[in-house]
Amino acid sequence: MSDHERNERVIRVADIAPQYRHTVIFQLFEHLEPDQSLQLVVDHDPKPLRLQLQGRHGERCGWEYLEEGPDVWRVRLRLSKCRTGRTCANGHRYADARPQLA
């Protein structure tokens, strides 16, 4: 098992009550350490969540599709370091942070 796999938490989004999903995911994401990642497993393309995370964290939000449907989507999330080289405070917004649509 690689270091990366040991430091990745896998979340099956369907196991979280719908009204709490985004809140739980935001909290888990914002508490990631630089060497950790969060993998989401969902039954649809979570693009709205991506836009929300990028709107909140800008370029610090690492988003990688590992699997893209049609029945299962797997996404790896990372919270990158800020420009100073330190992990920034949770929820900190940058004036230059803009969502990137890819």
Protein backbone atom coordinates (compact mmCIF):
# COMPACT_ATOMS: atom_id res chain seq x y z
CA MET A 1 0.00 0.00 0.00
CA SER A 2 1.45 3.38 -1.00
CA ASP A 3 1.73 6.38 1.33
CA HIS A 4 -0.91 8.08 -0.79
CA GLU A 5 -3.41 5.24 -0.24
CA ARG A 6 -2.72 5.21 3.51
CA ASN A 7 -3.48 8.93 3.67
CA GLU A 8 -6.72 8.86 1.68
CA ARG A 9 -10.11 8.63 3.29
CA VAL A 10 -12.86 7.14 1.10
CA ILE A 11 -16.36 8.52 1.62
CA ARG A 12 -19.41 6.88 0.11
CA VAL A 13 -21.63 9.92 -0.17
CA ALA A 14 -24.81 7.82 -0.20
CA ASP A 15 -24.03 6.85 3.41
CA ILE A 16 -24.52 10.48 4.51
CA ALA A 17 -28.06 11.87 4.96
CA PRO A 18 -28.80 14.15 1.97
CA GLN A 19 -29.36 17.28 4.06
CA TYR A 20 -25.87 16.93 5.62
CA ARG A 21 -23.77 15.79 2.64
CA HIS A 22 -22.19 19.05 1.56
CA THR A 23 -21.62 20.22 5.14
CA VAL A 24 -19.85 16.98 6.04
CA ILE A 25 -17.76 17.01 2.86
CA PHE A 26 -16.76 20.67 3.39
CA GLN A 27 -15.66 19.93 6.96
CA LEU A 28 -13.67 16.85 5.98
CA PHE A 29 -12.05 18.72 3.09
CA GLU A 30 -11.12 21.77 5.16
CA HIS A 31 -9.37 19.58 7.74
CA LEU A 32 -7.16 17.72 5.24
CA GLU A 33 -3.43 17.87 5.86
CA PRO A 34 -1.13 18.50 2.87
CA ASP A 35 -0.27 14.79 2.54
CA GLN A 36 -3.89 13.62 2.79
CA SER A 37 -6.64 13.27 0.24
CA LEU A 38 -10.34 12.55 0.33
CA GLN A 39 -11.98 10.28 -2.20
CA LEU A 40 -15.69 10.69 -2.82
CA VAL A 41 -17.76 7.87 -4.29
CA VAL A 42 -21.09 9.08 -5.69
CA ASP A 43 -23.80 7.96 -8.14
CA HIS A 44 -23.72 11.16 -10.23
CA ASP A 45 -21.26 13.78 -11.44
CA PRO A 46 -20.63 15.99 -8.37
CA LYS A 47 -19.90 19.09 -10.47
CA PRO A 48 -22.05 21.42 -8.27
CA LEU A 49 -19.94 20.41 -5.26
CA ARG A 50 -16.78 21.13 -7.27
CA LEU A 51 -17.99 24.62 -8.09
CA GLN A 52 -18.83 25.28 -4.44
CA LEU A 53 -15.45 24.04 -3.21
CA GLN A 54 -13.58 26.03 -5.82
CA GLY A 55 -15.65 29.11 -5.06
CA ARG A 56 -14.69 28.78 -1.42
CA HIS A 57 -11.03 27.68 -1.80
CA GLY A 58 -10.06 28.72 -5.33
CA GLU A 59 -6.97 27.07 -6.74
CA ARG A 60 -6.26 25.42 -3.38
CA CYS A 61 -9.00 22.91 -4.22
CA GLY A 62 -7.46 19.93 -5.99
CA TRP A 63 -10.08 17.91 -7.88
CA GLU A 64 -9.28 14.76 -9.84
CA TYR A 65 -11.80 12.44 -11.46
CA LEU A 66 -10.73 8.83 -10.93
CA GLU A 67 -13.89 7.33 -12.46
CA GLU A 68 -16.60 9.10 -14.44
CA GLY A 69 -19.83 7.12 -14.53
CA PRO A 70 -22.17 6.10 -15.78
CA ASP A 71 -23.09 4.45 -12.46
CA VAL A 72 -20.23 5.50 -10.19
CA TRP A 73 -18.08 8.62 -10.01
CA ARG A 74 -14.92 8.68 -7.91
CA VAL A 75 -13.25 11.99 -7.18
CA ARG A 76 -10.01 12.65 -5.30
CA LEU A 77 -9.91 15.92 -3.38
CA ARG A 78 -6.81 17.64 -2.03
CA LEU A 79 -6.37 20.90 -0.15
CA SER A 80 -3.14 22.42 -1.39
CA LYS A 81 -0.88 24.76 0.54
CA CYS A 82 -1.22 28.49 0.23
CA ARG A 83 1.44 30.56 -1.52
CA THR A 84 3.40 31.05 1.69
CA GLY A 85 4.07 27.29 1.86
CA ARG A 86 1.97 26.85 4.97
CA THR A 87 -1.46 25.30 5.13
CA CYS A 88 -3.81 28.25 5.44
CA ALA A 89 -6.54 28.64 8.01
CA ASN A 90 -9.75 26.75 7.29
CA GLY A 91 -12.28 28.69 5.30
CA HIS A 92 -9.80 31.45 4.44
CA ARG A 93 -10.75 33.21 1.21
CA TYR A 94 -8.35 34.83 -1.20
CA ALA A 95 -9.32 37.89 -3.16
CA ASP A 96 -7.79 36.29 -6.27
CA ALA A 97 -9.48 32.91 -5.78
CA ARG A 98 -11.92 32.29 -8.60
CA PRO A 99 -13.58 29.01 -9.54
CA GLN A 100 -12.10 27.38 -12.60
CA LEU A 101 -14.48 25.57 -14.87
CA ALA A 102 -12.80 22.70 -16.61
